[in-house]
Amino acid sequence: MSTVLAAFDKRFAADQALEHIAGTGVPRADLHVEHDLERLKRVSTSRKLGNDSVLGSAGRMFADLVQTNVDYHHVDLVTEALERGASVLVVRLADATQTDRVVGLVKKLGAYDVVTRAAADMPN
């Protein structure tokens, strides 16, 4: 399992990238565009969390979204992009060998910040 988080300046560009990636065979259930940081804050604060910081809460939210332990440092970078008004495309890949292809594709489609993390690389 691998996860790609890609930030886009415009929601439309993120939506187009989602459609393009879905067209390459990645299941739609493994694709999501997030653009509403305020909604994420409400979702995060509605839970009982140990870390009350916005970035900590959003990091946990992204980890929940992608259903894997994404490195919070990397998630913080994408969360900061959301704070600046970006839209973030989340791509879960069951086959980690697709990661480089998807990263190249989202960059080609206009992503300016791409973070990848393979679940197998996470410390136990």
PDB file of N, CA and C in Angstrom:
ATOM      1  N   MET A   1       0.859  -1.181   0.000  1.00  0.00           N
ATOM      2  CA  MET A   1       0.000   0.000   0.000  1.00  0.00           C
ATOM      3  C   MET A   1       0.894   1.229   0.000  1.00  0.00           C
ATOM      4  N   SER A   2       0.540   2.172  -0.819  1.00  0.00           N
ATOM      5  CA  SER A   2       1.249   3.440  -0.912  1.00  0.00           C
ATOM      6  C   SER A   2       0.209   4.544  -1.011  1.00  0.00           C
ATOM      7  N   THR A   3       0.561   5.719  -0.526  1.00  0.00           N
ATOM      8  CA  THR A   3      -0.347   6.859  -0.572  1.00  0.00           C
ATOM      9  C   THR A   3       0.358   8.031  -1.225  1.00  0.00           C
ATOM     10  N   VAL A   4      -0.336   8.714  -2.111  1.00  0.00           N
ATOM     11  CA  VAL A   4       0.174   9.922  -2.751  1.00  0.00           C
ATOM     12  C   VAL A   4      -0.742  11.068  -2.344  1.00  0.00           C
ATOM     13  N   LEU A   5      -0.160  12.148  -1.826  1.00  0.00           N
ATOM     14  CA  LEU A   5      -0.888  13.368  -1.493  1.00  0.00           C
ATOM     15  C   LEU A   5      -0.353  14.458  -2.411  1.00  0.00           C
ATOM     16  N   ALA A   6      -1.213  15.063  -3.203  1.00  0.00           N
ATOM     17  CA  ALA A   6      -0.778  16.054  -4.179  1.00  0.00           C
ATOM     18  C   ALA A   6      -1.606  17.322  -4.055  1.00  0.00           C
ATOM     19  N   ALA A   7      -0.929  18.473  -3.933  1.00  0.00           N
ATOM     20  CA  ALA A   7      -1.608  19.759  -3.784  1.00  0.00           C
ATOM     21  C   ALA A   7      -1.722  20.459  -5.134  1.00  0.00           C
ATOM     22  N   PHE A   8      -2.896  21.052  -5.371  1.00  0.00           N
ATOM     23  CA  PHE A   8      -3.179  21.804  -6.591  1.00  0.00           C
ATOM     24  C   PHE A   8      -3.692  23.183  -6.203  1.00  0.00           C
ATOM     25  N   ASP A   9      -3.361  24.194  -7.003  1.00  0.00           N
ATOM     26  CA  ASP A   9      -3.846  25.551  -6.733  1.00  0.00           C
ATOM     27  C   ASP A   9      -5.356  25.658  -6.863  1.00  0.00           C
ATOM     28  N   LYS A  10      -5.929  24.936  -7.793  1.00  0.00           N
ATOM     29  CA  LYS A  10      -7.362  25.036  -8.078  1.00  0.00           C
ATOM     30  C   LYS A  10      -8.060  23.700  -7.877  1.00  0.00           C
ATOM     31  N   ARG A  11      -9.256  23.746  -7.326  1.00  0.00           N
ATOM     32  CA  ARG A  11     -10.062  22.534  -7.127  1.00  0.00           C
ATOM     33  C   ARG A  11     -10.323  21.842  -8.464  1.00  0.00           C
ATOM     34  N   PHE A  12     -10.598  22.631  -9.502  1.00  0.00           N
ATOM     35  CA  PHE A  12     -10.873  22.073 -10.822  1.00  0.00           C
ATOM     36  C   PHE A  12      -9.703  21.215 -11.308  1.00  0.00           C
ATOM     37  N   ALA A  13      -8.480  21.690 -11.099  1.00  0.00           N
ATOM     38  CA  ALA A  13      -7.291  20.932 -11.521  1.00  0.00           C
ATOM     39  C   ALA A  13      -7.172  19.626 -10.742  1.00  0.00           C
ATOM     40  N   ALA A  14      -7.462  19.667  -9.440  1.00  0.00           N
ATOM     41  CA  ALA A  14      -7.421  18.444  -8.623  1.00  0.00           C
ATOM     42  C   ALA A  14      -8.491  17.462  -9.084  1.00  0.00           C
ATOM     43  N   ASP A  15      -9.685  17.980  -9.380  1.00  0.00           N
ATOM     44  CA  ASP A  15     -10.769  17.114  -9.873  1.00  0.00           C
ATOM     45  C   ASP A  15     -10.408  16.487 -11.217  1.00  0.00           C
ATOM     46  N   GLN A  16      -9.788  17.281 -12.100  1.00  0.00           N
ATOM     47  CA  GLN A  16      -9.361  16.742 -13.393  1.00  0.00           C
ATOM     48  C   GLN A  16      -8.301  15.656 -13.206  1.00  0.00           C
ATOM     49  N   ALA A  17      -7.369  15.878 -12.289  1.00  0.00           N
ATOM     50  CA  ALA A  17      -6.333  14.878 -12.016  1.00  0.00           C
ATOM     51  C   ALA A  17      -6.971  13.598 -11.484  1.00  0.00           C
ATOM     52  N   LEU A  18      -7.959  13.736 -10.596  1.00  0.00           N
ATOM     53  CA  LEU A  18      -8.674  12.567 -10.071  1.00  0.00           C
ATOM     54  C   LEU A  18      -9.294  11.779 -11.219  1.00  0.00           C
ATOM     55  N   GLU A  19      -9.982  12.463 -12.115  1.00  0.00           N
ATOM     56  CA  GLU A  19     -10.623  11.790 -13.252  1.00  0.00           C
ATOM     57  C   GLU A  19      -9.586  11.098 -14.132  1.00  0.00           C
ATOM     58  N   HIS A  20      -8.477  11.771 -14.364  1.00  0.00           N
ATOM     59  CA  HIS A  20      -7.428  11.198 -15.204  1.00  0.00           C
ATOM     60  C   HIS A  20      -6.841   9.941 -14.562  1.00  0.00           C
ATOM     61  N   ILE A  21      -6.559  10.003 -13.270  1.00  0.00           N
ATOM     62  CA  ILE A  21      -5.990   8.845 -12.569  1.00  0.00           C
ATOM     63  C   ILE A  21      -7.001   7.710 -12.515  1.00  0.00           C
ATOM     64  N   ALA A  22      -8.271   8.036 -12.297  1.00  0.00           N
ATOM     65  CA  ALA A  22      -9.310   6.996 -12.314  1.00  0.00           C
ATOM     66  C   ALA A  22      -9.341   6.317 -13.681  1.00  0.00           C
ATOM     67  N   GLY A  23      -9.106   7.082 -14.727  1.00  0.00           N
ATOM     68  CA  GLY A  23      -9.091   6.536 -16.075  1.00  0.00           C
ATOM     69  C   GLY A  23      -7.932   5.588 -16.333  1.00  0.00           C
ATOM     70  N   THR A  24      -6.917   5.634 -15.473  1.00  0.00           N
ATOM     71  CA  THR A  24      -5.774   4.726 -15.631  1.00  0.00           C
ATOM     72  C   THR A  24      -5.976   3.420 -14.878  1.00  0.00           C
ATOM     73  N   GLY A  25      -7.124   3.292 -14.197  1.00  0.00           N
ATOM     74  CA  GLY A  25      -7.418   2.033 -13.518  1.00  0.00           C
ATOM     75  C   GLY A  25      -7.382   2.067 -12.005  1.00  0.00           C
ATOM     76  N   VAL A  26      -7.030   3.204 -11.411  1.00  0.00           N
ATOM     77  CA  VAL A  26      -7.060   3.306  -9.949  1.00  0.00           C
ATOM     78  C   VAL A  26      -8.527   3.409  -9.539  1.00  0.00           C
ATOM     79  N   PRO A  27      -8.988   2.543  -8.632  1.00  0.00           N
ATOM     80  CA  PRO A  27     -10.404   2.566  -8.231  1.00  0.00           C
ATOM     81  C   PRO A  27     -10.810   3.919  -7.635  1.00  0.00           C
ATOM     82  N   ARG A  28     -11.992   4.404  -8.009  1.00  0.00           N
ATOM     83  CA  ARG A  28     -12.488   5.682  -7.482  1.00  0.00           C
ATOM     84  C   ARG A  28     -12.568   5.689  -5.960  1.00  0.00           C
ATOM     85  N   ALA A  29     -12.822   4.546  -5.364  1.00  0.00           N
ATOM     86  CA  ALA A  29     -12.895   4.473  -3.901  1.00  0.00           C
ATOM     87  C   ALA A  29     -11.549   4.811  -3.259  1.00  0.00           C
ATOM     88  N   ASP A  30     -10.473   4.759  -4.035  1.00  0.00           N
ATOM     89  CA  ASP A  30      -9.135   5.058  -3.527  1.00  0.00           C
ATOM     90  C   ASP A  30      -8.669   6.460  -3.908  1.00  0.00           C
ATOM     91  N   LEU A  31      -9.583   7.282  -4.397  1.00  0.00           N
ATOM     92  CA  LEU A  31      -9.274   8.651  -4.811  1.00  0.00           C
ATOM     93  C   LEU A  31     -10.191   9.623  -4.079  1.00  0.00           C
ATOM     94  N   HIS A  32      -9.623  10.747  -3.656  1.00  0.00           N
ATOM     95  CA  HIS A  32     -10.419  11.736  -2.926  1.00  0.00           C
ATOM     96  C   HIS A  32      -9.764  13.105  -3.087  1.00  0.00           C
ATOM     97  N   VAL A  33     -10.574  14.130  -3.294  1.00  0.00           N
ATOM     98  CA  VAL A  33     -10.075  15.508  -3.304  1.00  0.00           C
ATOM     99  C   VAL A  33     -10.604  16.198  -2.061  1.00  0.00           C
ATOM    100  N   GLU A  34      -9.693  16.808  -1.320  1.00  0.00           N
ATOM    101  CA  GLU A  34     -10.072  17.565  -0.126  1.00  0.00           C
ATOM    102  C   GLU A  34      -9.667  19.012  -0.343  1.00  0.00           C
ATOM    103  N   HIS A  35     -10.578  19.933  -0.019  1.00  0.00           N
ATOM    104  CA  HIS A  35     -10.279  21.353  -0.205  1.00  0.00           C
ATOM    105  C   HIS A  35     -10.783  22.210   0.943  1.00  0.00           C
ATOM    106  N   ASP A  36     -11.497  21.657   1.865  1.00  0.00           N
ATOM    107  CA  ASP A  36     -12.148  22.435   2.912  1.00  0.00           C
ATOM    108  C   ASP A  36     -11.483  22.179   4.262  1.00  0.00           C
ATOM    109  N   LEU A  37     -10.458  22.968   4.577  1.00  0.00           N
ATOM    110  CA  LEU A  37      -9.733  22.792   5.834  1.00  0.00           C
ATOM    111  C   LEU A  37     -10.633  23.055   7.036  1.00  0.00           C
ATOM    112  N   GLU A  38     -11.557  23.998   6.923  1.00  0.00           N
ATOM    113  CA  GLU A  38     -12.462  24.279   8.046  1.00  0.00           C
ATOM    114  C   GLU A  38     -13.319  23.059   8.373  1.00  0.00           C
ATOM    115  N   ARG A  39     -13.795  22.359   7.348  1.00  0.00           N
ATOM    116  CA  ARG A  39     -14.566  21.134   7.580  1.00  0.00           C
ATOM    117  C   ARG A  39     -13.691  20.088   8.261  1.00  0.00           C
ATOM    118  N   LEU A  40     -12.453  19.976   7.822  1.00  0.00           N
ATOM    119  CA  LEU A  40     -11.544  19.003   8.422  1.00  0.00           C
ATOM    120  C   LEU A  40     -11.276  19.335   9.883  1.00  0.00           C
ATOM    121  N   LYS A  41     -11.166  20.623  10.184  1.00  0.00           N
ATOM    122  CA  LYS A  41     -10.964  21.025  11.578  1.00  0.00           C
ATOM    123  C   LYS A  41     -12.170  20.623  12.424  1.00  0.00           C
ATOM    124  N   ARG A  42     -13.385  20.825  11.880  1.00  0.00           N
ATOM    125  CA  ARG A  42     -14.588  20.447  12.631  1.00  0.00           C
ATOM    126  C   ARG A  42     -14.634  18.944  12.848  1.00  0.00           C
ATOM    127  N   VAL A  43     -14.290  18.169  11.819  1.00  0.00           N
ATOM    128  CA  VAL A  43     -14.269  16.709  11.947  1.00  0.00           C
ATOM    129  C   VAL A  43     -13.247  16.305  12.993  1.00  0.00           C
ATOM    130  N   SER A  44     -12.073  16.924  12.921  1.00  0.00           N
ATOM    131  CA  SER A  44     -11.002  16.566  13.844  1.00  0.00           C
ATOM    132  C   SER A  44     -11.339  16.949  15.274  1.00  0.00           C
ATOM    133  N   THR A  45     -11.929  18.138  15.473  1.00  0.00           N
ATOM    134  CA  THR A  45     -12.204  18.575  16.833  1.00  0.00           C
ATOM    135  C   THR A  45     -13.419  17.876  17.419  1.00  0.00           C
ATOM    136  N   SER A  46     -14.205  17.215  16.592  1.00  0.00           N
ATOM    137  CA  SER A  46     -15.353  16.487  17.126  1.00  0.00           C
ATOM    138  C   SER A  46     -14.926  15.170  17.772  1.00  0.00           C
ATOM    139  N   ARG A  47     -13.664  14.826  17.607  1.00  0.00           N
ATOM    140  CA  ARG A  47     -13.124  13.605  18.217  1.00  0.00           C
ATOM    141  C   ARG A  47     -12.322  13.986  19.446  1.00  0.00           C
ATOM    142  N   LYS A  48     -12.135  13.058  20.317  1.00  0.00           N
ATOM    143  CA  LYS A  48     -11.279  13.280  21.481  1.00  0.00           C
ATOM    144  C   LYS A  48      -9.856  12.940  21.057  1.00  0.00           C
ATOM    145  N   LEU A  49      -9.017  13.984  20.906  1.00  0.00           N
ATOM    146  CA  LEU A  49      -7.664  13.793  20.417  1.00  0.00           C
ATOM    147  C   LEU A  49      -6.667  14.300  21.447  1.00  0.00           C
ATOM    148  N   GLY A  50      -5.507  13.653  21.487  1.00  0.00           N
ATOM    149  CA  GLY A  50      -4.458  14.064  22.406  1.00  0.00           C
ATOM    150  C   GLY A  50      -3.754  15.327  21.963  1.00  0.00           C
ATOM    151  N   ASN A  51      -3.575  15.534  20.674  1.00  0.00           N
ATOM    152  CA  ASN A  51      -2.884  16.700  20.153  1.00  0.00           C
ATOM    153  C   ASN A  51      -3.930  17.653  19.598  1.00  0.00           C
ATOM    154  N   ASP A  52      -4.077  18.823  20.214  1.00  0.00           N
ATOM    155  CA  ASP A  52      -5.124  19.753  19.819  1.00  0.00           C
ATOM    156  C   ASP A  52      -4.689  20.749  18.752  1.00  0.00           C
ATOM    157  N   SER A  53      -3.438  20.670  18.297  1.00  0.00           N
ATOM    158  CA  SER A  53      -3.003  21.617  17.275  1.00  0.00           C
ATOM    159  C   SER A  53      -3.753  21.365  15.977  1.00  0.00           C
ATOM    160  N   VAL A  54      -3.921  22.417  15.198  1.00  0.00           N
ATOM    161  CA  VAL A  54      -4.607  22.288  13.913  1.00  0.00           C
ATOM    162  C   VAL A  54      -3.860  21.304  13.031  1.00  0.00           C
ATOM    163  N   LEU A  55      -2.540  21.448  12.935  1.00  0.00           N
ATOM    164  CA  LEU A  55      -1.775  20.550  12.076  1.00  0.00           C
ATOM    165  C   LEU A  55      -1.813  19.125  12.597  1.00  0.00           C
ATOM    166  N   GLY A  56      -1.750  18.942  13.904  1.00  0.00           N
ATOM    167  CA  GLY A  56      -1.838  17.592  14.459  1.00  0.00           C
ATOM    168  C   GLY A  56      -3.186  16.961  14.166  1.00  0.00           C
ATOM    169  N   SER A  57      -4.246  17.737  14.329  1.00  0.00           N
ATOM    170  CA  SER A  57      -5.589  17.228  14.050  1.00  0.00           C
ATOM    171  C   SER A  57      -5.758  16.908  12.576  1.00  0.00           C
ATOM    172  N   ALA A  58      -5.308  17.810  11.726  1.00  0.00           N
ATOM    173  CA  ALA A  58      -5.428  17.567  10.286  1.00  0.00           C
ATOM    174  C   ALA A  58      -4.570  16.382   9.871  1.00  0.00           C
ATOM    175  N   GLY A  59      -3.409  16.236  10.486  1.00  0.00           N
ATOM    176  CA  GLY A  59      -2.559  15.088  10.178  1.00  0.00           C
ATOM    177  C   GLY A  59      -3.241  13.781  10.500  1.00  0.00           C
ATOM    178  N   ARG A  60      -3.892  13.726  11.656  1.00  0.00           N
ATOM    179  CA  ARG A  60      -4.633  12.514  12.019  1.00  0.00           C
ATOM    180  C   ARG A  60      -5.801  12.298  11.065  1.00  0.00           C
ATOM    181  N   MET A  61      -6.450  13.400  10.664  1.00  0.00           N
ATOM    182  CA  MET A  61      -7.558  13.276   9.731  1.00  0.00           C
ATOM    183  C   MET A  61      -7.073  12.675   8.421  1.00  0.00           C
ATOM    184  N   PHE A  62      -5.939  13.159   7.909  1.00  0.00           N
ATOM    185  CA  PHE A  62      -5.418  12.596   6.664  1.00  0.00           C
ATOM    186  C   PHE A  62      -5.054  11.131   6.847  1.00  0.00           C
ATOM    187  N   ALA A  63      -4.473  10.785   7.969  1.00  0.00           N
ATOM    188  CA  ALA A  63      -4.148   9.379   8.215  1.00  0.00           C
ATOM    189  C   ALA A  63      -5.418   8.541   8.206  1.00  0.00           C
ATOM    190  N   ASP A  64      -6.497   9.073   8.788  1.00  0.00           N
ATOM    191  CA  ASP A  64      -7.782   8.368   8.742  1.00  0.00           C
ATOM    192  C   ASP A  64      -8.296   8.274   7.307  1.00  0.00           C
ATOM    193  N   LEU A  65      -8.168   9.389   6.577  1.00  0.00           N
ATOM    194  CA  LEU A  65      -8.658   9.419   5.199  1.00  0.00           C
ATOM    195  C   LEU A  65      -7.989   8.360   4.340  1.00  0.00           C
ATOM    196  N   VAL A  66      -6.705   8.253   4.444  1.00  0.00           N
ATOM    197  CA  VAL A  66      -5.979   7.331   3.580  1.00  0.00           C
ATOM    198  C   VAL A  66      -5.839   5.958   4.212  1.00  0.00           C
ATOM    199  N   GLN A  67      -6.327   5.810   5.435  1.00  0.00           N
ATOM    200  CA  GLN A  67      -6.337   4.533   6.142  1.00  0.00           C
ATOM    201  C   GLN A  67      -4.958   3.897   6.212  1.00  0.00           C
ATOM    202  N   THR A  68      -3.981   4.710   6.515  1.00  0.00           N
ATOM    203  CA  THR A  68      -2.625   4.217   6.703  1.00  0.00           C
ATOM    204  C   THR A  68      -1.902   5.207   7.609  1.00  0.00           C
ATOM    205  N   ASN A  69      -0.752   4.842   8.094  1.00  0.00           N
ATOM    206  CA  ASN A  69       0.023   5.723   8.964  1.00  0.00           C
ATOM    207  C   ASN A  69       0.926   6.607   8.125  1.00  0.00           C
ATOM    208  N   VAL A  70       0.389   7.707   7.641  1.00  0.00           N
ATOM    209  CA  VAL A  70       1.168   8.651   6.857  1.00  0.00           C
ATOM    210  C   VAL A  70       2.015   9.469   7.813  1.00  0.00           C
ATOM    211  N   ASP A  71       3.258   9.676   7.474  1.00  0.00           N
ATOM    212  CA  ASP A  71       4.192  10.459   8.277  1.00  0.00           C
ATOM    213  C   ASP A  71       3.613  11.860   8.479  1.00  0.00           C
ATOM    214  N   TYR A  72       3.421  12.261   9.737  1.00  0.00           N
ATOM    215  CA  TYR A  72       2.783  13.547  10.027  1.00  0.00           C
ATOM    216  C   TYR A  72       3.580  14.732   9.509  1.00  0.00           C
ATOM    217  N   HIS A  73       4.904  14.624   9.462  1.00  0.00           N
ATOM    218  CA  HIS A  73       5.700  15.722   8.910  1.00  0.00           C
ATOM    219  C   HIS A  73       5.292  15.978   7.465  1.00  0.00           C
ATOM    220  N   HIS A  74       5.150  14.918   6.679  1.00  0.00           N
ATOM    221  CA  HIS A  74       4.744  15.075   5.286  1.00  0.00           C
ATOM    222  C   HIS A  74       3.309  15.580   5.186  1.00  0.00           C
ATOM    223  N   VAL A  75       2.449  15.079   6.040  1.00  0.00           N
ATOM    224  CA  VAL A  75       1.059  15.533   6.025  1.00  0.00           C
ATOM    225  C   VAL A  75       0.983  17.012   6.394  1.00  0.00           C
ATOM    226  N   ASP A  76       1.829  17.455   7.321  1.00  0.00           N
ATOM    227  CA  ASP A  76       1.838  18.864   7.708  1.00  0.00           C
ATOM    228  C   ASP A  76       2.126  19.767   6.510  1.00  0.00           C
ATOM    229  N   LEU A  77       3.015  19.329   5.622  1.00  0.00           N
ATOM    230  CA  LEU A  77       3.321  20.119   4.427  1.00  0.00           C
ATOM    231  C   LEU A  77       2.080  20.303   3.564  1.00  0.00           C
ATOM    232  N   VAL A  78       1.320  19.229   3.406  1.00  0.00           N
ATOM    233  CA  VAL A  78       0.114  19.297   2.591  1.00  0.00           C
ATOM    234  C   VAL A  78      -0.972  20.086   3.318  1.00  0.00           C
ATOM    235  N   THR A  79      -1.049  19.940   4.637  1.00  0.00           N
ATOM    236  CA  THR A  79      -2.023  20.693   5.422  1.00  0.00           C
ATOM    237  C   THR A  79      -1.768  22.191   5.290  1.00  0.00           C
ATOM    238  N   GLU A  80      -0.493  22.572   5.298  1.00  0.00           N
ATOM    239  CA  GLU A  80      -0.159  23.982   5.106  1.00  0.00           C
ATOM    240  C   GLU A  80      -0.625  24.460   3.734  1.00  0.00           C
ATOM    241  N   ALA A  81      -0.515  23.598   2.735  1.00  0.00           N
ATOM    242  CA  ALA A  81      -1.018  23.953   1.401  1.00  0.00           C
ATOM    243  C   ALA A  81      -2.529  24.185   1.453  1.00  0.00           C
ATOM    244  N   LEU A  82      -3.249  23.335   2.191  1.00  0.00           N
ATOM    245  CA  LEU A  82      -4.696  23.523   2.358  1.00  0.00           C
ATOM    246  C   LEU A  82      -4.990  24.863   3.022  1.00  0.00           C
ATOM    247  N   GLU A  83      -4.190  25.218   4.015  1.00  0.00           N
ATOM    248  CA  GLU A  83      -4.392  26.494   4.696  1.00  0.00           C
ATOM    249  C   GLU A  83      -4.219  27.668   3.742  1.00  0.00           C
ATOM    250  N   ARG A  84      -3.390  27.491   2.722  1.00  0.00           N
ATOM    251  CA  ARG A  84      -3.176  28.539   1.721  1.00  0.00           C
ATOM    252  C   ARG A  84      -4.219  28.484   0.609  1.00  0.00           C
ATOM    253  N   GLY A  85      -5.194  27.569   0.720  1.00  0.00           N
ATOM    254  CA  GLY A  85      -6.274  27.516  -0.255  1.00  0.00           C
ATOM    255  C   GLY A  85      -6.138  26.454  -1.324  1.00  0.00           C
ATOM    256  N   ALA A  86      -5.164  25.581  -1.204  1.00  0.00           N
ATOM    257  CA  ALA A  86      -4.979  24.518  -2.196  1.00  0.00           C
ATOM    258  C   ALA A  86      -6.046  23.439  -2.042  1.00  0.00           C
ATOM    259  N   SER A  87      -6.193  22.636  -3.069  1.00  0.00           N
ATOM    260  CA  SER A  87      -6.989  21.408  -3.008  1.00  0.00           C
ATOM    261  C   SER A  87      -6.002  20.253  -3.029  1.00  0.00           C
ATOM    262  N   VAL A  88      -6.275  19.224  -2.252  1.00  0.00           N
ATOM    263  CA  VAL A  88      -5.351  18.101  -2.131  1.00  0.00           C
ATOM    264  C   VAL A  88      -6.005  16.838  -2.658  1.00  0.00           C
ATOM    265  N   LEU A  89      -5.314  16.193  -3.571  1.00  0.00           N
ATOM    266  CA  LEU A  89      -5.739  14.910  -4.108  1.00  0.00           C
ATOM    267  C   LEU A  89      -5.063  13.814  -3.296  1.00  0.00           C
ATOM    268  N   VAL A  90      -5.863  12.900  -2.756  1.00  0.00           N
ATOM    269  CA  VAL A  90      -5.364  11.749  -2.000  1.00  0.00           C
ATOM    270  C   VAL A  90      -5.561  10.519  -2.876  1.00  0.00           C
ATOM    271  N   VAL A  91      -4.477   9.790  -3.123  1.00  0.00           N
ATOM    272  CA  VAL A  91      -4.525   8.583  -3.948  1.00  0.00           C
ATOM    273  C   VAL A  91      -3.955   7.429  -3.131  1.00  0.00           C
ATOM    274  N   ARG A  92      -4.785   6.419  -2.868  1.00  0.00           N
ATOM    275  CA  ARG A  92      -4.305   5.195  -2.208  1.00  0.00           C
ATOM    276  C   ARG A  92      -4.013   4.179  -3.301  1.00  0.00           C
ATOM    277  N   LEU A  93      -2.842   3.585  -3.231  1.00  0.00           N
ATOM    278  CA  LEU A  93      -2.440   2.606  -4.237  1.00  0.00           C
ATOM    279  C   LEU A  93      -2.194   1.266  -3.568  1.00  0.00           C
ATOM    280  N   ALA A  94      -2.989   0.281  -3.916  1.00  0.00           N
ATOM    281  CA  ALA A  94      -2.799  -1.064  -3.369  1.00  0.00           C
ATOM    282  C   ALA A  94      -1.487  -1.648  -3.866  1.00  0.00           C
ATOM    283  N   ASP A  95      -1.085  -1.275  -5.074  1.00  0.00           N
ATOM    284  CA  ASP A  95       0.153  -1.755  -5.683  1.00  0.00           C
ATOM    285  C   ASP A  95       1.185  -0.633  -5.620  1.00  0.00           C
ATOM    286  N   ALA A  96       2.115  -0.735  -4.680  1.00  0.00           N
ATOM    287  CA  ALA A  96       3.105   0.322  -4.477  1.00  0.00           C
ATOM    288  C   ALA A  96       4.002   0.531  -5.692  1.00  0.00           C
ATOM    289  N   THR A  97       4.049  -0.426  -6.601  1.00  0.00           N
ATOM    290  CA  THR A  97       4.872  -0.251  -7.801  1.00  0.00           C
ATOM    291  C   THR A  97       4.294   0.817  -8.724  1.00  0.00           C
ATOM    292  N   GLN A  98       3.056   1.237  -8.498  1.00  0.00           N
ATOM    293  CA  GLN A  98       2.426   2.293  -9.302  1.00  0.00           C
ATOM    294  C   GLN A  98       2.779   3.698  -8.809  1.00  0.00           C
ATOM    295  N   THR A  99       3.428   3.781  -7.658  1.00  0.00           N
ATOM    296  CA  THR A  99       3.655   5.073  -7.012  1.00  0.00           C
ATOM    297  C   THR A  99       4.398   6.056  -7.904  1.00  0.00           C
ATOM    298  N   ASP A 100       5.537   5.656  -8.449  1.00  0.00           N
ATOM    299  CA  ASP A 100       6.322   6.585  -9.272  1.00  0.00           C
ATOM    300  C   ASP A 100       5.523   7.069 -10.476  1.00  0.00           C
ATOM    301  N   ARG A 101       4.757   6.177 -11.073  1.00  0.00           N
ATOM    302  CA  ARG A 101       3.937   6.550 -12.232  1.00  0.00           C
ATOM    303  C   ARG A 101       2.899   7.602 -11.833  1.00  0.00           C
ATOM    304  N   VAL A 102       2.228   7.379 -10.702  1.00  0.00           N
ATOM    305  CA  VAL A 102       1.187   8.315 -10.254  1.00  0.00           C
ATOM    306  C   VAL A 102       1.803   9.650  -9.843  1.00  0.00           C
ATOM    307  N   VAL A 103       2.942   9.621  -9.158  1.00  0.00           N
ATOM    308  CA  VAL A 103       3.611  10.871  -8.781  1.00  0.00           C
ATOM    309  C   VAL A 103       3.972  11.668 -10.031  1.00  0.00           C
ATOM    310  N   GLY A 104       4.545  11.007 -11.018  1.00  0.00           N
ATOM    311  CA  GLY A 104       4.876  11.689 -12.267  1.00  0.00           C
ATOM    312  C   GLY A 104       3.645  12.255 -12.948  1.00  0.00           C
ATOM    313  N   LEU A 105       2.567  11.501 -12.899  1.00  0.00           N
ATOM    314  CA  LEU A 105       1.321  11.919 -13.536  1.00  0.00           C
ATOM    315  C   LEU A 105       0.731  13.155 -12.862  1.00  0.00           C
ATOM    316  N   VAL A 106       0.662  13.163 -11.525  1.00  0.00           N
ATOM    317  CA  VAL A 106       0.066  14.327 -10.851  1.00  0.00           C
ATOM    318  C   VAL A 106       0.941  15.562 -11.016  1.00  0.00           C
ATOM    319  N   LYS A 107       2.251  15.375 -11.065  1.00  0.00           N
ATOM    320  CA  LYS A 107       3.127  16.527 -11.325  1.00  0.00           C
ATOM    321  C   LYS A 107       2.868  17.071 -12.723  1.00  0.00           C
ATOM    322  N   LYS A 108       2.740  16.176 -13.681  1.00  0.00           N
ATOM    323  CA  LYS A 108       2.463  16.576 -15.063  1.00  0.00           C
ATOM    324  C   LYS A 108       1.113  17.293 -15.163  1.00  0.00           C
ATOM    325  N   LEU A 109       0.170  16.899 -14.304  1.00  0.00           N
ATOM    326  CA  LEU A 109      -1.171  17.486 -14.312  1.00  0.00           C
ATOM    327  C   LEU A 109      -1.263  18.768 -13.486  1.00  0.00           C
ATOM    328  N   GLY A 110      -0.127  19.217 -12.914  1.00  0.00           N
ATOM    329  CA  GLY A 110      -0.100  20.509 -12.249  1.00  0.00           C
ATOM    330  C   GLY A 110       0.059  20.513 -10.744  1.00  0.00           C
ATOM    331  N   ALA A 111       0.264  19.368 -10.125  1.00  0.00           N
ATOM    332  CA  ALA A 111       0.466  19.351  -8.670  1.00  0.00           C
ATOM    333  C   ALA A 111       1.780  20.048  -8.349  1.00  0.00           C
ATOM    334  N   TYR A 112       1.788  20.879  -7.309  1.00  0.00           N
ATOM    335  CA  TYR A 112       3.020  21.569  -6.948  1.00  0.00           C
ATOM    336  C   TYR A 112       3.666  21.007  -5.700  1.00  0.00           C
ATOM    337  N   ASP A 113       2.983  20.163  -4.972  1.00  0.00           N
ATOM    338  CA  ASP A 113       3.572  19.536  -3.790  1.00  0.00           C
ATOM    339  C   ASP A 113       3.055  18.110  -3.752  1.00  0.00           C
ATOM    340  N   VAL A 114       3.943  17.168  -3.916  1.00  0.00           N
ATOM    341  CA  VAL A 114       3.547  15.770  -3.930  1.00  0.00           C
ATOM    342  C   VAL A 114       4.312  15.050  -2.837  1.00  0.00           C
ATOM    343  N   VAL A 115       3.580  14.345  -1.986  1.00  0.00           N
ATOM    344  CA  VAL A 115       4.176  13.574  -0.906  1.00  0.00           C
ATOM    345  C   VAL A 115       3.743  12.130  -1.082  1.00  0.00           C
ATOM    346  N   THR A 116       4.694  11.220  -1.008  1.00  0.00           N
ATOM    347  CA  THR A 116       4.346   9.803  -1.088  1.00  0.00           C
ATOM    348  C   THR A 116       4.869   9.092   0.141  1.00  0.00           C
ATOM    349  N   ARG A 117       4.190   8.048   0.474  1.00  0.00           N
ATOM    350  CA  ARG A 117       4.621   7.252   1.621  1.00  0.00           C
ATOM    351  C   ARG A 117       4.104   5.845   1.423  1.00  0.00           C
ATOM    352  N   ALA A 118       4.997   4.891   1.467  1.00  0.00           N
ATOM    353  CA  ALA A 118       4.597   3.490   1.371  1.00  0.00           C
ATOM    354  C   ALA A 118       4.386   2.957   2.773  1.00  0.00           C
ATOM    355  N   ALA A 119       3.290   2.268   2.983  1.00  0.00           N
ATOM    356  CA  ALA A 119       2.995   1.716   4.304  1.00  0.00           C
ATOM    357  C   ALA A 119       4.104   0.775   4.746  1.00  0.00           C
ATOM    358  N   ALA A 120       4.714   0.070   3.820  1.00  0.00           N
ATOM    359  CA  ALA A 120       5.783  -0.867   4.156  1.00  0.00           C
ATOM    360  C   ALA A 120       7.010  -0.148   4.705  1.00  0.00           C
ATOM    361  N   ASP A 121       7.162   1.142   4.401  1.00  0.00           N
ATOM    362  CA  ASP A 121       8.306   1.911   4.873  1.00  0.00           C
ATOM    363  C   ASP A 121       8.109   2.469   6.274  1.00  0.00           C
ATOM    364  N   MET A 122       6.913   2.353   6.806  1.00  0.00           N
ATOM    365  CA  MET A 122       6.616   2.932   8.114  1.00  0.00           C
ATOM    366  C   MET A 122       7.240   2.097   9.220  1.00  0.00           C
ATOM    367  N   PRO A 123       7.820   2.754  10.230  1.00  0.00           N
ATOM    368  CA  PRO A 123       8.361   2.000  11.366  1.00  0.00           C
ATOM    369  C   PRO A 123       7.242   1.337  12.152  1.00  0.00           C
ATOM    370  N   ASN A 124       7.545   0.191  12.729  1.00  0.00           N
ATOM    371  CA  ASN A 124       6.534  -0.529  13.531  1.00  0.00           C
ATOM    372  C   ASN A 124       6.424   0.044  14.910  1.00  0.00           C
TER     373      ASN A 124
END
